[in-house]
Amino acid sequence: MMHMAPFADLLNFGDQPNLGYYEGCVGGLGGGGGFTIEATEEINEGEEVNYFYGDNCKSYFKIHYGFESELNDAACDWG
């Protein structure tokens, strides 16, 4: 299971992201694959940075990210 490093928790969740997430980058902990978060468009000083965490259900967000969002209000089908 992939976990985001604590600094990535500072990213705003939004449905119009201006950041991209890329796995498998060289130089991760222990020499393994890491990840990169980089701008997908120009971001001016003072603008918010937004990342879209995906189309997961509400409980998934609460468990994995610690928040619920009106952008992801679907109930989980875990049964």
C-alpha atoms as a PDB file:
ATOM      1  CA  MET A   1       0.000   0.000   0.000  1.00  0.00           C
ATOM      2  CA  MET A   2       1.307   3.439  -0.913  1.00  0.00           C
ATOM      3  CA  HIS A   3       1.532   6.077   1.817  1.00  0.00           C
ATOM      4  CA  MET A   4       2.240   9.730   1.264  1.00  0.00           C
ATOM      5  CA  ALA A   5       5.076  11.330   3.215  1.00  0.00           C
ATOM      6  CA  PRO A   6       3.899  13.798   5.895  1.00  0.00           C
ATOM      7  CA  PHE A   7       4.884  16.876   3.883  1.00  0.00           C
ATOM      8  CA  ALA A   8       2.463  15.852   1.138  1.00  0.00           C
ATOM      9  CA  ASP A   9      -0.360  16.115   3.681  1.00  0.00           C
ATOM     10  CA  LEU A  10       0.022  19.886   3.391  1.00  0.00           C
ATOM     11  CA  LEU A  11      -1.334  19.847  -0.171  1.00  0.00           C
ATOM     12  CA  ASN A  12      -4.852  21.137  -0.701  1.00  0.00           C
ATOM     13  CA  PHE A  13      -7.391  18.675  -2.087  1.00  0.00           C
ATOM     14  CA  GLY A  14      -9.111  20.033  -5.163  1.00  0.00           C
ATOM     15  CA  ASP A  15     -10.922  18.897  -8.282  1.00  0.00           C
ATOM     16  CA  GLN A  16      -8.871  21.324 -10.403  1.00  0.00           C
ATOM     17  CA  PRO A  17      -5.331  20.226  -9.532  1.00  0.00           C
ATOM     18  CA  ASN A  18      -2.199  22.058 -10.567  1.00  0.00           C
ATOM     19  CA  LEU A  19       0.115  19.352  -9.211  1.00  0.00           C
ATOM     20  CA  GLY A  20       0.939  15.874 -10.473  1.00  0.00           C
ATOM     21  CA  TYR A  21       2.158  12.824  -8.543  1.00  0.00           C
ATOM     22  CA  TYR A  22       4.621  10.392 -10.086  1.00  0.00           C
ATOM     23  CA  GLU A  23       5.706   7.091  -8.466  1.00  0.00           C
ATOM     24  CA  GLY A  24       8.866   5.102  -9.045  1.00  0.00           C
ATOM     25  CA  CYS A  25      11.365   7.938  -9.064  1.00  0.00           C
ATOM     26  CA  VAL A  26      14.997   7.115  -8.312  1.00  0.00           C
ATOM     27  CA  GLY A  27      16.320   7.969  -4.864  1.00  0.00           C
ATOM     28  CA  GLY A  28      13.561   6.923  -2.497  1.00  0.00           C
ATOM     29  CA  LEU A  29      14.230   5.793   1.056  1.00  0.00           C
ATOM     30  CA  GLY A  30      16.634   2.876   1.172  1.00  0.00           C
ATOM     31  CA  GLY A  31      17.541   3.427  -2.496  1.00  0.00           C
ATOM     32  CA  GLY A  32      14.148   2.191  -3.654  1.00  0.00           C
ATOM     33  CA  GLY A  33      11.539   3.970  -5.698  1.00  0.00           C
ATOM     34  CA  GLY A  34      10.368   7.294  -4.387  1.00  0.00           C
ATOM     35  CA  PHE A  35       7.893   9.759  -5.759  1.00  0.00           C
ATOM     36  CA  THR A  36       7.803  13.259  -7.166  1.00  0.00           C
ATOM     37  CA  ILE A  37       5.146  15.925  -6.868  1.00  0.00           C
ATOM     38  CA  GLU A  38       5.518  18.673  -9.437  1.00  0.00           C
ATOM     39  CA  ALA A  39       3.527  21.517 -10.936  1.00  0.00           C
ATOM     40  CA  THR A  40       1.478  20.691 -14.019  1.00  0.00           C
ATOM     41  CA  GLU A  41       1.049  24.375 -14.855  1.00  0.00           C
ATOM     42  CA  GLU A  42       2.558  27.689 -13.841  1.00  0.00           C
ATOM     43  CA  ILE A  43       1.750  28.593 -10.233  1.00  0.00           C
ATOM     44  CA  ASN A  44       2.151  32.230  -9.302  1.00  0.00           C
ATOM     45  CA  GLU A  45       3.215  33.463  -5.890  1.00  0.00           C
ATOM     46  CA  GLY A  46       0.243  33.475  -3.520  1.00  0.00           C
ATOM     47  CA  GLU A  47      -1.805  30.915  -5.496  1.00  0.00           C
ATOM     48  CA  GLU A  48      -2.939  27.716  -3.817  1.00  0.00           C
ATOM     49  CA  VAL A  49      -1.466  24.408  -4.848  1.00  0.00           C
ATOM     50  CA  ASN A  50      -4.066  21.666  -5.349  1.00  0.00           C
ATOM     51  CA  TYR A  51      -3.762  17.933  -5.697  1.00  0.00           C
ATOM     52  CA  PHE A  52      -6.603  15.555  -6.583  1.00  0.00           C
ATOM     53  CA  TYR A  53      -6.343  12.463  -4.386  1.00  0.00           C
ATOM     54  CA  GLY A  54      -8.641  10.415  -6.613  1.00  0.00           C
ATOM     55  CA  ASP A  55     -12.217   9.222  -6.915  1.00  0.00           C
ATOM     56  CA  ASN A  56     -12.370   7.085  -3.796  1.00  0.00           C
ATOM     57  CA  CYS A  57     -15.348   6.631  -1.494  1.00  0.00           C
ATOM     58  CA  LYS A  58     -15.915   8.766   1.597  1.00  0.00           C
ATOM     59  CA  SER A  59     -14.749   6.173   4.167  1.00  0.00           C
ATOM     60  CA  TYR A  60     -11.569   5.481   2.169  1.00  0.00           C
ATOM     61  CA  PHE A  61     -10.681   9.175   2.435  1.00  0.00           C
ATOM     62  CA  LYS A  62     -11.394   9.248   6.165  1.00  0.00           C
ATOM     63  CA  ILE A  63      -9.261   6.156   6.829  1.00  0.00           C
ATOM     64  CA  HIS A  64      -6.327   6.908   4.505  1.00  0.00           C
ATOM     65  CA  TYR A  65      -6.183  10.702   4.434  1.00  0.00           C
ATOM     66  CA  GLY A  66      -7.959  11.796   7.621  1.00  0.00           C
ATOM     67  CA  PHE A  67     -10.603  13.958   5.946  1.00  0.00           C
ATOM     68  CA  GLU A  68     -13.923  13.740   4.154  1.00  0.00           C
ATOM     69  CA  SER A  69     -14.780  15.925   1.201  1.00  0.00           C
ATOM     70  CA  GLU A  70     -17.920  16.952  -0.619  1.00  0.00           C
ATOM     71  CA  LEU A  71     -16.007  16.103  -3.814  1.00  0.00           C
ATOM     72  CA  ASN A  72     -15.984  12.443  -2.786  1.00  0.00           C
ATOM     73  CA  ASP A  73     -19.254  11.682  -1.012  1.00  0.00           C
ATOM     74  CA  ALA A  74     -19.945   8.215  -2.409  1.00  0.00           C
ATOM     75  CA  ALA A  75     -20.490   5.387   0.062  1.00  0.00           C
ATOM     76  CA  CYS A  76     -17.955   2.555   0.000  1.00  0.00           C
ATOM     77  CA  ASP A  77     -18.957  -0.824  -1.426  1.00  0.00           C
ATOM     78  CA  TRP A  78     -16.731  -3.073   0.678  1.00  0.00           C
ATOM     79  CA  GLY A  79     -19.085  -5.991   0.902  1.00  0.00           C
END
